[in-house]
């Protein structure tokens, strides 16, 4: 309490000293000007001294708090920057993985397409071979059928021609022998075909 009273008295004296100096009047021009200047300087020095004395702790506390707050914000900004950098790195890695996955899928699709193309070509070649084999078997069957039909026709024509010739030149007895012989030959031919 004593300190506060002393400080208040000092402040009051500092504030009143310029007023007292100015109220003294104008005795001499040179000396009074210096006195005014010295008293103003003393007044100002006391004022600053009192400000420092009274405001030192609050200002120190204010600046310490302000410094701590700035340091805290700088740490938070650094943490946010690190988090953003980590996120960026994570997204870069994901993007790179997606690009690699896309390239792999494309390569797989191309490979599957080539495999499917080969399978289709192989199946088409097999089908073409089967069609050719079937066609050849049908041709062979038709040729055999045509040969058999041609033989039958040739035999029938030969028999008819032989009958006409024999009917003109042979007697009834020769006719009987010739018919029996021809039937035997036809039976032999039909059995060997």
Protein backbone atom coordinates (compact mmCIF):
# COMPACT_ATOMS: atom_id res chain seq x y z
CA UNK A 1 0.00 0.00 0.00
CA UNK A 2 2.89 2.36 0.81
CA UNK A 3 4.38 1.78 -2.58
CA UNK A 4 1.13 2.63 -4.31
CA UNK A 5 0.79 5.86 -2.32
CA UNK A 6 4.37 6.86 -3.11
CA UNK A 7 3.81 6.16 -6.76
CA UNK A 8 0.61 8.20 -6.85
CA UNK A 9 2.36 11.15 -5.18
CA UNK A 10 5.22 10.94 -7.66
CA UNK A 11 2.78 10.89 -10.56
CA UNK A 12 0.88 13.88 -9.15
CA UNK A 13 4.15 15.80 -8.65
CA UNK A 14 5.24 15.00 -12.16
CA UNK A 15 1.97 16.24 -13.54
CA UNK A 16 1.98 19.42 -11.49
CA UNK A 17 5.61 20.40 -12.09
CA UNK A 18 5.05 21.71 -15.65
CA UNK A 19 2.05 23.63 -14.44
CA UNK A 20 4.07 25.25 -11.62
CA UNK A 21 6.85 26.14 -13.98
CA UNK A 22 4.50 27.76 -16.42
CA UNK A 23 2.69 29.69 -13.65
CA UNK A 24 6.00 31.26 -12.52
CA UNK A 25 5.81 33.92 -15.18
CA UNK A 26 8.26 35.05 -17.71
CA UNK A 27 11.36 36.16 -15.79
CA UNK A 28 14.08 36.17 -18.34
CA UNK A 29 13.79 34.66 -21.63
CA UNK A 30 16.84 32.42 -21.72
CA UNK A 31 16.66 30.72 -18.34
CA UNK A 32 12.98 29.98 -18.32
CA UNK A 33 13.07 28.20 -21.63
CA UNK A 34 15.72 25.81 -20.41
CA UNK A 35 13.87 25.27 -17.23
CA UNK A 36 10.70 24.46 -19.09
CA UNK A 37 12.57 22.05 -21.29
CA UNK A 38 14.22 20.33 -18.34
CA UNK A 39 10.94 20.10 -16.44
CA UNK A 40 9.17 18.68 -19.53
CA UNK A 41 11.97 16.15 -19.89
CA UNK A 42 11.76 15.21 -16.22
CA UNK A 43 7.99 15.01 -16.51
CA UNK A 44 8.23 12.78 -19.55
CA UNK A 45 10.91 10.59 -17.93
CA UNK A 46 8.80 10.18 -14.80
CA UNK A 47 5.76 9.37 -16.89
CA UNK A 48 7.63 6.72 -18.87
CA UNK A 49 9.19 5.39 -15.67
CA UNK A 50 5.81 5.09 -14.05
CA UNK A 51 4.35 3.40 -17.12
CA UNK A 52 7.19 0.92 -17.12
CA UNK A 53 6.85 0.33 -13.40
CA UNK A 54 3.10 -0.22 -13.46
CA UNK A 55 2.76 -1.86 -16.81
CA UNK A 56 5.86 -4.08 -16.69
CA UNK A 57 4.10 -7.13 -15.24
CA UNK A 58 0.91 -6.81 -17.31
CA UNK A 59 2.93 -6.09 -20.48
CA UNK A 60 5.31 -8.93 -19.72
CA UNK A 61 2.34 -11.20 -19.13
CA UNK A 62 0.62 -9.92 -22.28
CA UNK A 63 3.67 -10.43 -24.47
CA UNK A 64 4.40 -13.82 -22.92
CA UNK A 65 0.80 -14.87 -23.56
CA UNK A 66 0.98 -13.42 -27.06
CA UNK A 67 4.28 -15.23 -27.72
CA UNK A 68 2.81 -18.50 -26.42
CA UNK A 69 -0.28 -18.01 -28.58
CA UNK A 70 1.83 -17.31 -31.67
CA UNK A 71 4.04 -20.32 -30.94
CA UNK A 72 0.93 -22.46 -30.47
CA UNK A 73 -0.50 -21.24 -33.78
CA UNK A 74 2.81 -21.87 -35.50
CA UNK A 75 2.88 -25.42 -34.10
CA UNK A 76 -0.73 -25.95 -35.22
CA UNK A 77 0.11 -24.56 -38.66
CA UNK A 78 3.14 -26.87 -38.85
CA UNK A 79 0.98 -29.83 -37.81
CA UNK A 80 -1.67 -28.90 -40.38
CA UNK A 81 1.03 -28.51 -43.00
CA UNK A 82 2.43 -31.94 -42.10
CA UNK A 83 -1.05 -33.47 -42.19
CA UNK A 84 -1.70 -31.87 -45.58
CA UNK A 85 1.65 -33.13 -46.82
CA UNK A 86 0.85 -36.63 -45.53
CA UNK A 87 -2.58 -36.52 -47.21
CA UNK A 88 -0.96 -35.33 -50.42
CA UNK A 89 1.56 -38.18 -50.29
CA UNK A 90 -1.26 -40.64 -49.55
CA UNK A 91 -3.31 -39.39 -52.50
CA UNK A 92 -0.26 -39.43 -54.74
CA UNK A 93 0.37 -43.07 -53.76
CA UNK A 94 -3.29 -43.95 -54.34
CA UNK A 95 -3.25 -42.20 -57.73
CA UNK A 96 -0.09 -44.05 -58.72
CA UNK A 97 -1.62 -47.35 -57.55
CA UNK A 98 -4.78 -46.60 -59.56
CA UNK A 99 -2.73 -45.84 -62.65
CA UNK A 100 -0.80 -49.08 -62.22
CA UNK A 101 -4.06 -50.98 -61.63
CA UNK A 102 -5.57 -49.42 -64.75
CA UNK A 103 -2.52 -50.39 -66.82
CA UNK A 104 -2.65 -53.93 -65.40
CA UNK A 105 -6.39 -54.25 -66.15
CA UNK A 106 -5.80 -53.00 -69.68
CA UNK A 107 -2.95 -55.47 -70.18
CA UNK A 108 -5.09 -58.30 -68.76
CA UNK A 109 -7.98 -57.35 -71.05
CA UNK A 110 -5.65 -57.32 -74.06
CA UNK A 111 -4.22 -60.71 -73.10
CA UNK A 112 -7.71 -62.14 -72.60
CA UNK A 113 -8.74 -60.71 -75.96
CA UNK A 114 -5.77 -62.36 -77.64
CA UNK A 115 -6.55 -65.67 -75.90
CA UNK A 116 -10.21 -65.43 -76.95
CA UNK A 117 -9.13 -64.65 -80.51
CA UNK A 118 -6.90 -67.75 -80.53
CA UNK A 119 -9.72 -69.91 -79.12
CA UNK A 120 -12.16 -68.62 -81.73
CA UNK A 121 -9.68 -69.24 -84.56
CA UNK A 122 -8.92 -72.74 -83.27
CA UNK A 123 -12.63 -73.51 -82.99
CA UNK A 124 -13.23 -72.17 -86.51
CA UNK A 125 -10.36 -74.28 -87.87
CA UNK A 126 -11.73 -77.39 -86.15
CA UNK A 127 -15.21 -76.66 -87.45
CA UNK A 128 -13.86 -76.12 -90.97
CA UNK A 129 -11.97 -79.43 -90.74
CA UNK A 130 -15.15 -81.22 -89.58
CA UNK A 131 -17.18 -79.65 -92.39
CA UNK A 132 -14.50 -80.69 -94.89
CA UNK A 133 -14.42 -84.23 -93.45
CA UNK A 134 -18.22 -84.45 -93.55
CA UNK A 135 -18.27 -83.18 -97.12
CA UNK A 136 -15.59 -85.71 -98.12
CA UNK A 137 -17.54 -88.55 -96.50
CA UNK A 138 -20.70 -87.48 -98.31
CA UNK A 139 -18.83 -87.25 -101.57
CA UNK A 140 -17.33 -90.69 -101.03
CA UNK A 141 -20.77 -92.09 -100.16
CA UNK A 142 -22.31 -90.48 -103.25
CA UNK A 143 -19.52 -91.85 -105.44
CA UNK A 144 -20.05 -95.36 -104.03
CA UNK A 145 -23.80 -95.07 -104.51
CA UNK A 146 -23.29 -93.82 -108.07
CA UNK A 147 -20.92 -96.72 -108.86
CA UNK A 148 -23.40 -99.24 -107.50
CA UNK A 149 -26.23 -97.65 -109.48
CA UNK A 150 -24.05 -97.53 -112.61
CA UNK A 151 -23.09 -101.21 -112.23
CA UNK A 152 -26.72 -102.16 -111.79
CA UNK A 153 -27.69 -100.16 -114.86
CA UNK A 154 -24.81 -101.57 -116.87
CA UNK A 155 -25.72 -105.11 -115.85
CA UNK A 156 -29.36 -104.49 -116.63
CA UNK A 157 -28.50 -103.05 -120.06
CA UNK A 158 -26.09 -105.88 -120.77
CA UNK A 159 -28.72 -108.43 -119.82
CA UNK A 160 -31.32 -106.73 -122.00
CA UNK A 161 -28.92 -106.50 -124.96
CA UNK A 162 -27.87 -110.10 -124.53
CA UNK A 163 -31.53 -111.19 -124.47
CA UNK A 164 -32.29 -109.37 -127.66
CA UNK A 165 -29.28 -110.87 -129.42
CA UNK A 166 -29.94 -114.31 -128.08
CA UNK A 167 -33.60 -114.09 -128.85
CA UNK A 168 -32.74 -113.53 -132.46
CA UNK A 169 -30.01 -116.16 -132.79
CA UNK A 170 -30.65 -118.85 -130.24
CA UNK A 171 -33.04 -121.67 -129.98
CA UNK A 172 -35.22 -122.35 -126.98
CA UNK A 173 -32.77 -124.82 -125.52
CA UNK A 174 -29.81 -122.44 -125.90
CA UNK A 175 -31.96 -119.73 -124.41
CA UNK A 176 -32.47 -121.72 -121.23
CA UNK A 177 -28.74 -122.37 -120.82
CA UNK A 178 -27.81 -118.77 -121.44
CA UNK A 179 -30.36 -117.40 -118.93
CA UNK A 180 -29.09 -119.75 -116.23
CA UNK A 181 -25.48 -118.78 -116.92
CA UNK A 182 -26.27 -115.03 -116.83
CA UNK A 183 -28.20 -115.33 -113.60
CA UNK A 184 -25.23 -117.08 -112.03
CA UNK A 185 -22.88 -114.36 -113.16
CA UNK A 186 -25.17 -111.59 -111.88
CA UNK A 187 -25.50 -113.33 -108.55
CA UNK A 188 -21.70 -113.56 -108.33
CA UNK A 189 -21.32 -109.85 -109.18
CA UNK A 190 -23.98 -108.76 -106.74
CA UNK A 191 -22.30 -110.72 -103.96
CA UNK A 192 -18.81 -109.25 -104.62
CA UNK A 193 -19.97 -105.60 -104.72
